[in-house]
C-alpha atoms as a PDB file:
ATOM      1  CA  UNK A   1      23.324   0.531  27.572  1.00  0.00           C
ATOM      2  CA  UNK A   2      23.099   2.709  24.503  1.00  0.00           C
ATOM      3  CA  UNK A   3      19.925   2.324  22.431  1.00  0.00           C
ATOM      4  CA  UNK A   4      20.121   2.259  18.690  1.00  0.00           C
ATOM      5  CA  UNK A   5      17.381   2.678  16.169  1.00  0.00           C
ATOM      6  CA  UNK A   6      17.634   1.014  12.798  1.00  0.00           C
ATOM      7  CA  UNK A   7      15.809   2.872  10.050  1.00  0.00           C
ATOM      8  CA  UNK A   8      15.351   1.511   6.572  1.00  0.00           C
ATOM      9  CA  UNK A   9      13.979   3.745   3.865  1.00  0.00           C
ATOM     10  CA  UNK A  10      11.986   2.147   1.114  1.00  0.00           C
ATOM     11  CA  UNK A  11       9.818   3.734  -1.528  1.00  0.00           C
ATOM     12  CA  UNK A  12       6.557   1.870  -1.892  1.00  0.00           C
ATOM     13  CA  UNK A  13       3.312   2.172  -3.752  1.00  0.00           C
ATOM     14  CA  UNK A  14       0.088   0.969  -2.195  1.00  0.00           C
ATOM     15  CA  UNK A  15      -3.194  -0.207  -3.652  1.00  0.00           C
ATOM     16  CA  UNK A  16      -6.328  -0.567  -1.581  1.00  0.00           C
ATOM     17  CA  UNK A  17      -9.205  -2.968  -1.777  1.00  0.00           C
ATOM     18  CA  UNK A  18     -12.515  -1.599  -0.641  1.00  0.00           C
ATOM     19  CA  UNK A  19     -13.267   2.102  -0.913  1.00  0.00           C
ATOM     20  CA  UNK A  20     -11.389   5.294  -0.093  1.00  0.00           C
ATOM     21  CA  UNK A  21     -13.581   5.798   2.977  1.00  0.00           C
ATOM     22  CA  UNK A  22     -13.393   2.148   4.122  1.00  0.00           C
ATOM     23  CA  UNK A  23     -10.293   0.399   2.794  1.00  0.00           C
ATOM     24  CA  UNK A  24     -10.262  -3.338   3.460  1.00  0.00           C
ATOM     25  CA  UNK A  25      -6.555  -4.043   3.025  1.00  0.00           C
ATOM     26  CA  UNK A  26      -3.437  -2.619   1.385  1.00  0.00           C
ATOM     27  CA  UNK A  27      -1.453  -4.240  -1.402  1.00  0.00           C
ATOM     28  CA  UNK A  28       2.137  -3.036  -1.316  1.00  0.00           C
ATOM     29  CA  UNK A  29       4.391  -2.520  -4.313  1.00  0.00           C
ATOM     30  CA  UNK A  30       7.905  -1.401  -4.994  1.00  0.00           C
ATOM     31  CA  UNK A  31       9.648  -0.134  -8.113  1.00  0.00           C
ATOM     32  CA  UNK A  32      12.689  -2.119  -9.232  1.00  0.00           C
ATOM     33  CA  UNK A  33      15.829  -0.524 -10.659  1.00  0.00           C
ATOM     34  CA  UNK A  34      14.246  -0.340 -14.117  1.00  0.00           C
ATOM     35  CA  UNK A  35      11.166   1.457 -12.777  1.00  0.00           C
ATOM     36  CA  UNK A  36       8.781  -1.506 -13.066  1.00  0.00           C
ATOM     37  CA  UNK A  37       6.290  -1.818 -10.201  1.00  0.00           C
ATOM     38  CA  UNK A  38       6.143  -5.216  -8.470  1.00  0.00           C
ATOM     39  CA  UNK A  39       3.764  -6.418  -5.786  1.00  0.00           C
ATOM     40  CA  UNK A  40       5.699  -7.264  -2.639  1.00  0.00           C
ATOM     41  CA  UNK A  41       3.047  -8.004  -0.022  1.00  0.00           C
ATOM     42  CA  UNK A  42      -0.247  -7.147   1.558  1.00  0.00           C
ATOM     43  CA  UNK A  43      -1.666  -6.321   4.931  1.00  0.00           C
ATOM     44  CA  UNK A  44      -4.148  -8.346   6.883  1.00  0.00           C
ATOM     45  CA  UNK A  45      -7.733  -7.102   6.617  1.00  0.00           C
ATOM     46  CA  UNK A  46      -7.871  -3.700   8.323  1.00  0.00           C
ATOM     47  CA  UNK A  47      -9.869  -3.236  11.499  1.00  0.00           C
ATOM     48  CA  UNK A  48     -12.338  -0.319  11.357  1.00  0.00           C
ATOM     49  CA  UNK A  49     -10.134   1.976  13.472  1.00  0.00           C
ATOM     50  CA  UNK A  50      -7.063   1.261  11.317  1.00  0.00           C
ATOM     51  CA  UNK A  51      -9.123   1.696   8.136  1.00  0.00           C
ATOM     52  CA  UNK A  52     -10.223   5.161   9.277  1.00  0.00           C
ATOM     53  CA  UNK A  53      -6.622   6.186   9.945  1.00  0.00           C
ATOM     54  CA  UNK A  54      -5.454   4.890   6.562  1.00  0.00           C
ATOM     55  CA  UNK A  55      -8.393   6.489   4.716  1.00  0.00           C
ATOM     56  CA  UNK A  56      -7.262   9.941   5.887  1.00  0.00           C
ATOM     57  CA  UNK A  57      -4.053   9.562   3.863  1.00  0.00           C
ATOM     58  CA  UNK A  58      -5.308   7.996   0.628  1.00  0.00           C
ATOM     59  CA  UNK A  59      -5.165   9.746  -2.730  1.00  0.00           C
ATOM     60  CA  UNK A  60      -6.285   8.425  -6.115  1.00  0.00           C
ATOM     61  CA  UNK A  61      -3.606   7.072  -8.426  1.00  0.00           C
ATOM     62  CA  UNK A  62      -2.465   9.212 -11.322  1.00  0.00           C
ATOM     63  CA  UNK A  63      -3.762   8.284 -14.788  1.00  0.00           C
ATOM     64  CA  UNK A  64      -1.652   5.564 -16.339  1.00  0.00           C
ATOM     65  CA  UNK A  65      -0.736   3.907 -13.030  1.00  0.00           C
ATOM     66  CA  UNK A  66       0.704   0.463 -13.887  1.00  0.00           C
ATOM     67  CA  UNK A  67      -1.900  -1.307 -11.759  1.00  0.00           C
ATOM     68  CA  UNK A  68      -4.927   0.504 -13.230  1.00  0.00           C
ATOM     69  CA  UNK A  69      -7.583  -2.106 -13.948  1.00  0.00           C
ATOM     70  CA  UNK A  70      -5.575  -4.970 -12.417  1.00  0.00           C
ATOM     71  CA  UNK A  71      -7.544  -7.265 -10.142  1.00  0.00           C
ATOM     72  CA  UNK A  72      -5.835  -8.731  -7.096  1.00  0.00           C
ATOM     73  CA  UNK A  73      -6.813 -11.733  -5.026  1.00  0.00           C
ATOM     74  CA  UNK A  74      -7.165 -10.336  -1.518  1.00  0.00           C
ATOM     75  CA  UNK A  75      -7.425 -13.570   0.407  1.00  0.00           C
END
């Protein structure tokens, strides 16, 4: 039997709750065809080991990010 792998490429933007060293969860966003950023989902609260792995890859948003100052309900 031949194995096949299905790969879907999507560009996303993520927001964290918590801190850069201990993120609590990720809020996921995607740009539509007009360039507007929409929230599309969130993760479950991150376990400490997953939070450490994620924290290694986080960078601050650029000035003027569309979600700057926006508050999200994380529960």
